[in-house]
Amino acid sequence: MTAGKGIMHSEFNREDEETTLFQI
């Protein structure tokens, strides 16, 4: 995601299990 001059977003785990991730 290029936030640039501004962005609004959401991030959801819509799965039936835990999600693991790296956010960089």
PDB file of all heavy atoms in Angstrom:
ATOM      1  N   MET A   1       0.850  -1.180   0.000  1.00  0.00           N
ATOM      2  CA  MET A   1       0.000   0.000   0.000  1.00  0.00           C
ATOM      3  C   MET A   1       0.891   1.237   0.000  1.00  0.00           C
ATOM      4  O   MET A   1       1.729   1.399   0.894  1.00  0.00           O
ATOM      5  CB  MET A   1      -0.927   0.026   1.211  1.00  0.00           C
ATOM      6  CG  MET A   1      -1.909   1.183   1.198  1.00  0.00           C
ATOM      7  SD  MET A   1      -3.118   1.076   2.549  1.00  0.00           S
ATOM      8  CE  MET A   1      -2.055   1.471   3.951  1.00  0.00           C
ATOM      9  N   THR A   2       0.731   2.077  -1.012  1.00  0.00           N
ATOM     10  CA  THR A   2       1.375   3.380  -1.042  1.00  0.00           C
ATOM     11  C   THR A   2       0.421   4.373  -0.394  1.00  0.00           C
ATOM     12  O   THR A   2      -0.629   4.692  -0.962  1.00  0.00           O
ATOM     13  CB  THR A   2       1.700   3.801  -2.487  1.00  0.00           C
ATOM     14  OG1 THR A   2       2.697   2.913  -3.021  1.00  0.00           O
ATOM     15  CG2 THR A   2       2.219   5.233  -2.539  1.00  0.00           C
ATOM     16  N   ALA A   3       0.770   4.825   0.811  1.00  0.00           N
ATOM     17  CA  ALA A   3      -0.120   5.732   1.523  1.00  0.00           C
ATOM     18  C   ALA A   3      -0.123   7.119   0.887  1.00  0.00           C
ATOM     19  O   ALA A   3      -1.153   7.795   0.851  1.00  0.00           O
ATOM     20  CB  ALA A   3       0.283   5.816   2.989  1.00  0.00           C
ATOM     21  N   GLY A   4       1.054   7.536   0.386  1.00  0.00           N
ATOM     22  CA  GLY A   4       1.143   8.796  -0.343  1.00  0.00           C
ATOM     23  C   GLY A   4       0.536   9.961   0.410  1.00  0.00           C
ATOM     24  O   GLY A   4       0.756  10.147   1.610  1.00  0.00           O
ATOM     25  N   LYS A   5      -0.267  10.756  -0.273  1.00  0.00           N
ATOM     26  CA  LYS A   5      -0.847  11.961   0.326  1.00  0.00           C
ATOM     27  C   LYS A   5      -2.020  11.660   1.255  1.00  0.00           C
ATOM     28  O   LYS A   5      -2.584  12.586   1.857  1.00  0.00           O
ATOM     29  CB  LYS A   5      -1.282  12.935  -0.761  1.00  0.00           C
ATOM     30  CG  LYS A   5      -2.341  12.405  -1.706  1.00  0.00           C
ATOM     31  CD  LYS A   5      -2.596  13.400  -2.838  1.00  0.00           C
ATOM     32  CE  LYS A   5      -3.632  12.874  -3.827  1.00  0.00           C
ATOM     33  NZ  LYS A   5      -3.836  13.832  -4.940  1.00  0.00           N
ATOM     34  N   GLY A   6      -2.334  10.363   1.413  1.00  0.00           N
ATOM     35  CA  GLY A   6      -3.334   9.976   2.396  1.00  0.00           C
ATOM     36  C   GLY A   6      -4.250   8.874   1.924  1.00  0.00           C
ATOM     37  O   GLY A   6      -4.775   8.926   0.814  1.00  0.00           O
ATOM     38  N   ILE A   7      -4.406   7.843   2.766  1.00  0.00           N
ATOM     39  CA  ILE A   7      -5.306   6.746   2.447  1.00  0.00           C
ATOM     40  C   ILE A   7      -5.960   6.256   3.730  1.00  0.00           C
ATOM     41  O   ILE A   7      -5.335   6.237   4.798  1.00  0.00           O
ATOM     42  CB  ILE A   7      -4.557   5.595   1.727  1.00  0.00           C
ATOM     43  CG1 ILE A   7      -5.542   4.585   1.119  1.00  0.00           C
ATOM     44  CG2 ILE A   7      -3.560   4.909   2.649  1.00  0.00           C
ATOM     45  CD1 ILE A   7      -4.892   3.599   0.158  1.00  0.00           C
ATOM     46  N   MET A   8      -7.233   5.883   3.633  1.00  0.00           N
ATOM     47  CA  MET A   8      -7.972   5.292   4.740  1.00  0.00           C
ATOM     48  C   MET A   8      -8.236   3.827   4.390  1.00  0.00           C
ATOM     49  O   MET A   8      -8.712   3.523   3.286  1.00  0.00           O
ATOM     50  CB  MET A   8      -9.306   6.017   4.949  1.00  0.00           C
ATOM     51  CG  MET A   8      -9.175   7.492   5.276  1.00  0.00           C
ATOM     52  SD  MET A   8      -8.479   7.791   6.919  1.00  0.00           S
ATOM     53  CE  MET A   8      -9.790   7.148   7.978  1.00  0.00           C
ATOM     54  N   HIS A   9      -7.924   2.926   5.318  1.00  0.00           N
ATOM     55  CA  HIS A   9      -8.135   1.504   5.011  1.00  0.00           C
ATOM     56  C   HIS A   9      -8.430   0.722   6.282  1.00  0.00           C
ATOM     57  O   HIS A   9      -8.201   1.187   7.399  1.00  0.00           O
ATOM     58  CB  HIS A   9      -6.914   0.924   4.278  1.00  0.00           C
ATOM     59  CG  HIS A   9      -5.785   0.552   5.189  1.00  0.00           C
ATOM     60  ND1 HIS A   9      -5.154  -0.673   5.144  1.00  0.00           N
ATOM     61  CD2 HIS A   9      -5.169   1.243   6.176  1.00  0.00           C
ATOM     62  CE1 HIS A   9      -4.191  -0.726   6.040  1.00  0.00           C
ATOM     63  NE2 HIS A   9      -4.170   0.414   6.688  1.00  0.00           N
ATOM     64  N   SER A  10      -8.925  -0.485   6.087  1.00  0.00           N
ATOM     65  CA  SER A  10      -9.106  -1.450   7.167  1.00  0.00           C
ATOM     66  C   SER A  10      -8.466  -2.763   6.738  1.00  0.00           C
ATOM     67  O   SER A  10      -8.325  -3.040   5.539  1.00  0.00           O
ATOM     68  CB  SER A  10     -10.589  -1.665   7.472  1.00  0.00           C
ATOM     69  OG  SER A  10     -11.262  -2.206   6.345  1.00  0.00           O
ATOM     70  N   GLU A  11      -8.064  -3.560   7.729  1.00  0.00           N
ATOM     71  CA  GLU A  11      -7.503  -4.889   7.475  1.00  0.00           C
ATOM     72  C   GLU A  11      -8.117  -5.858   8.474  1.00  0.00           C
ATOM     73  O   GLU A  11      -7.967  -5.671   9.684  1.00  0.00           O
ATOM     74  CB  GLU A  11      -5.984  -4.874   7.622  1.00  0.00           C
ATOM     75  CG  GLU A  11      -5.254  -4.196   6.485  1.00  0.00           C
ATOM     76  CD  GLU A  11      -3.750  -4.280   6.651  1.00  0.00           C
ATOM     77  OE1 GLU A  11      -3.244  -3.801   7.673  1.00  0.00           O
ATOM     78  OE2 GLU A  11      -3.087  -4.830   5.749  1.00  0.00           O
ATOM     79  N   PHE A  12      -8.779  -6.899   7.950  1.00  0.00           N
ATOM     80  CA  PHE A  12      -9.462  -7.849   8.825  1.00  0.00           C
ATOM     81  C   PHE A  12      -9.077  -9.284   8.479  1.00  0.00           C
ATOM     82  O   PHE A  12      -8.879  -9.636   7.322  1.00  0.00           O
ATOM     83  CB  PHE A  12     -10.986  -7.691   8.707  1.00  0.00           C
ATOM     84  CG  PHE A  12     -11.543  -6.658   9.640  1.00  0.00           C
ATOM     85  CD1 PHE A  12     -11.592  -5.327   9.269  1.00  0.00           C
ATOM     86  CD2 PHE A  12     -11.997  -7.023  10.902  1.00  0.00           C
ATOM     87  CE1 PHE A  12     -12.096  -4.371  10.135  1.00  0.00           C
ATOM     88  CE2 PHE A  12     -12.505  -6.071  11.774  1.00  0.00           C
ATOM     89  CZ  PHE A  12     -12.558  -4.743  11.390  1.00  0.00           C
ATOM     90  N   ASN A  13      -8.994 -10.081   9.533  1.00  0.00           N
ATOM     91  CA  ASN A  13      -8.868 -11.526   9.384  1.00  0.00           C
ATOM     92  C   ASN A  13     -10.280 -12.094   9.344  1.00  0.00           C
ATOM     93  O   ASN A  13     -10.924 -12.261  10.388  1.00  0.00           O
ATOM     94  CB  ASN A  13      -8.076 -12.104  10.553  1.00  0.00           C
ATOM     95  CG  ASN A  13      -8.052 -13.620  10.535  1.00  0.00           C
ATOM     96  OD1 ASN A  13      -8.440 -14.245   9.547  1.00  0.00           O
ATOM     97  ND2 ASN A  13      -7.610 -14.212  11.618  1.00  0.00           N
ATOM     98  N   ARG A  14     -10.768 -12.370   8.157  1.00  0.00           N
ATOM     99  CA  ARG A  14     -12.121 -12.899   7.998  1.00  0.00           C
ATOM    100  C   ARG A  14     -12.121 -14.427   7.924  1.00  0.00           C
ATOM    101  O   ARG A  14     -13.119 -15.038   7.517  1.00  0.00           O
ATOM    102  CB  ARG A  14     -12.773 -12.287   6.762  1.00  0.00           C
ATOM    103  CG  ARG A  14     -12.822 -10.754   6.818  1.00  0.00           C
ATOM    104  CD  ARG A  14     -13.785 -10.169   5.817  1.00  0.00           C
ATOM    105  NE  ARG A  14     -13.789  -8.714   5.850  1.00  0.00           N
ATOM    106  CZ  ARG A  14     -14.421  -7.962   6.748  1.00  0.00           C
ATOM    107  NH1 ARG A  14     -15.082  -8.556   7.718  1.00  0.00           N
ATOM    108  NH2 ARG A  14     -14.368  -6.642   6.689  1.00  0.00           N
ATOM    109  N   GLU A  15     -11.013 -15.033   8.334  1.00  0.00           N
ATOM    110  CA  GLU A  15     -10.883 -16.487   8.285  1.00  0.00           C
ATOM    111  C   GLU A  15     -11.417 -17.111   9.579  1.00  0.00           C
ATOM    112  O   GLU A  15     -11.744 -16.418  10.548  1.00  0.00           O
ATOM    113  CB  GLU A  15      -9.424 -16.875   8.080  1.00  0.00           C
ATOM    114  CG  GLU A  15      -8.721 -16.109   6.968  1.00  0.00           C
ATOM    115  CD  GLU A  15      -9.421 -16.196   5.631  1.00  0.00           C
ATOM    116  OE1 GLU A  15      -9.712 -17.328   5.192  1.00  0.00           O
ATOM    117  OE2 GLU A  15      -9.691 -15.145   5.030  1.00  0.00           O
ATOM    118  N   ASP A  16     -11.457 -18.441   9.590  1.00  0.00           N
ATOM    119  CA  ASP A  16     -11.874 -19.187  10.787  1.00  0.00           C
ATOM    120  C   ASP A  16     -10.682 -19.592  11.645  1.00  0.00           C
ATOM    121  O   ASP A  16     -10.832 -20.383  12.579  1.00  0.00           O
ATOM    122  CB  ASP A  16     -12.655 -20.449  10.374  1.00  0.00           C
ATOM    123  CG  ASP A  16     -13.963 -20.116   9.680  1.00  0.00           C
ATOM    124  OD1 ASP A  16     -14.562 -19.071  10.025  1.00  0.00           O
ATOM    125  OD2 ASP A  16     -14.370 -20.881   8.789  1.00  0.00           O
ATOM    126  N   GLU A  17      -9.511 -19.055  11.319  1.00  0.00           N
ATOM    127  CA  GLU A  17      -8.292 -19.381  12.046  1.00  0.00           C
ATOM    128  C   GLU A  17      -7.467 -18.117  12.248  1.00  0.00           C
ATOM    129  O   GLU A  17      -7.703 -17.095  11.611  1.00  0.00           O
ATOM    130  CB  GLU A  17      -7.460 -20.410  11.259  1.00  0.00           C
ATOM    131  CG  GLU A  17      -7.042 -19.896   9.886  1.00  0.00           C
ATOM    132  CD  GLU A  17      -6.220 -20.896   9.098  1.00  0.00           C
ATOM    133  OE1 GLU A  17      -5.771 -21.891   9.686  1.00  0.00           O
ATOM    134  OE2 GLU A  17      -6.016 -20.657   7.903  1.00  0.00           O
ATOM    135  N   GLU A  18      -6.512 -18.204  13.134  1.00  0.00           N
ATOM    136  CA  GLU A  18      -5.604 -17.092  13.367  1.00  0.00           C
ATOM    137  C   GLU A  18      -4.800 -16.779  12.106  1.00  0.00           C
ATOM    138  O   GLU A  18      -4.440 -17.682  11.346  1.00  0.00           O
ATOM    139  CB  GLU A  18      -4.647 -17.471  14.504  1.00  0.00           C
ATOM    140  CG  GLU A  18      -3.610 -16.423  14.860  1.00  0.00           C
ATOM    141  CD  GLU A  18      -2.690 -16.898  15.955  1.00  0.00           C
ATOM    142  OE1 GLU A  18      -1.812 -17.747  15.665  1.00  0.00           O
ATOM    143  OE2 GLU A  18      -2.845 -16.444  17.109  1.00  0.00           O
ATOM    144  N   THR A  19      -4.543 -15.503  11.869  1.00  0.00           N
ATOM    145  CA  THR A  19      -3.660 -15.069  10.786  1.00  0.00           C
ATOM    146  C   THR A  19      -2.379 -14.510  11.388  1.00  0.00           C
ATOM    147  O   THR A  19      -2.422 -13.757  12.368  1.00  0.00           O
ATOM    148  CB  THR A  19      -4.348 -14.006   9.911  1.00  0.00           C
ATOM    149  OG1 THR A  19      -5.352 -14.627   9.120  1.00  0.00           O
ATOM    150  CG2 THR A  19      -3.354 -13.329   8.978  1.00  0.00           C
ATOM    151  N   THR A  20      -1.239 -14.882  10.815  1.00  0.00           N
ATOM    152  CA  THR A  20       0.031 -14.299  11.234  1.00  0.00           C
ATOM    153  C   THR A  20       0.653 -13.602  10.034  1.00  0.00           C
ATOM    154  O   THR A  20       0.565 -14.085   8.894  1.00  0.00           O
ATOM    155  CB  THR A  20       0.998 -15.365  11.784  1.00  0.00           C
ATOM    156  OG1 THR A  20       1.349 -16.288  10.744  1.00  0.00           O
ATOM    157  CG2 THR A  20       0.366 -16.123  12.942  1.00  0.00           C
ATOM    158  N   LEU A  21       1.276 -12.460  10.297  1.00  0.00           N
ATOM    159  CA  LEU A  21       1.862 -11.691   9.201  1.00  0.00           C
ATOM    160  C   LEU A  21       2.962 -10.782   9.714  1.00  0.00           C
ATOM    161  O   LEU A  21       3.072 -10.509  10.914  1.00  0.00           O
ATOM    162  CB  LEU A  21       0.777 -10.877   8.478  1.00  0.00           C
ATOM    163  CG  LEU A  21      -0.108  -9.928   9.295  1.00  0.00           C
ATOM    164  CD1 LEU A  21       0.578  -8.586   9.560  1.00  0.00           C
ATOM    165  CD2 LEU A  21      -1.439  -9.693   8.579  1.00  0.00           C
ATOM    166  N   PHE A  22       3.789 -10.335   8.773  1.00  0.00           N
ATOM    167  CA  PHE A  22       4.726  -9.244   9.013  1.00  0.00           C
ATOM    168  C   PHE A  22       4.179  -8.000   8.326  1.00  0.00           C
ATOM    169  O   PHE A  22       3.762  -8.070   7.164  1.00  0.00           O
ATOM    170  CB  PHE A  22       6.105  -9.539   8.425  1.00  0.00           C
ATOM    171  CG  PHE A  22       6.861 -10.646   9.097  1.00  0.00           C
ATOM    172  CD1 PHE A  22       7.504 -11.620   8.339  1.00  0.00           C
ATOM    173  CD2 PHE A  22       6.952 -10.723  10.478  1.00  0.00           C
ATOM    174  CE1 PHE A  22       8.222 -12.632   8.946  1.00  0.00           C
ATOM    175  CE2 PHE A  22       7.666 -11.746  11.091  1.00  0.00           C
ATOM    176  CZ  PHE A  22       8.300 -12.699  10.329  1.00  0.00           C
ATOM    177  N   GLN A  23       4.169  -6.877   9.043  1.00  0.00           N
ATOM    178  CA  GLN A  23       3.855  -5.608   8.401  1.00  0.00           C
ATOM    179  C   GLN A  23       5.107  -4.734   8.459  1.00  0.00           C
ATOM    180  O   GLN A  23       5.675  -4.511   9.530  1.00  0.00           O
ATOM    181  CB  GLN A  23       2.673  -4.903   9.055  1.00  0.00           C
ATOM    182  CG  GLN A  23       2.200  -3.724   8.221  1.00  0.00           C
ATOM    183  CD  GLN A  23       0.874  -3.156   8.681  1.00  0.00           C
ATOM    184  OE1 GLN A  23       0.860  -2.178   9.409  1.00  0.00           O
ATOM    185  NE2 GLN A  23      -0.222  -3.764   8.250  1.00  0.00           N
ATOM    186  N   ILE A  24       5.519  -4.260   7.287  1.00  0.00           N
ATOM    187  CA  ILE A  24       6.818  -3.612   7.100  1.00  0.00           C
ATOM    188  C   ILE A  24       6.585  -2.229   6.504  1.00  0.00           C
ATOM    189  O   ILE A  24       5.940  -2.112   5.457  1.00  0.00           O
ATOM    190  CB  ILE A  24       7.688  -4.490   6.171  1.00  0.00           C
ATOM    191  CG1 ILE A  24       7.909  -5.868   6.799  1.00  0.00           C
ATOM    192  CG2 ILE A  24       9.010  -3.802   5.847  1.00  0.00           C
ATOM    193  CD1 ILE A  24       8.299  -6.949   5.820  1.00  0.00           C
TER     194      ILE A  24
END
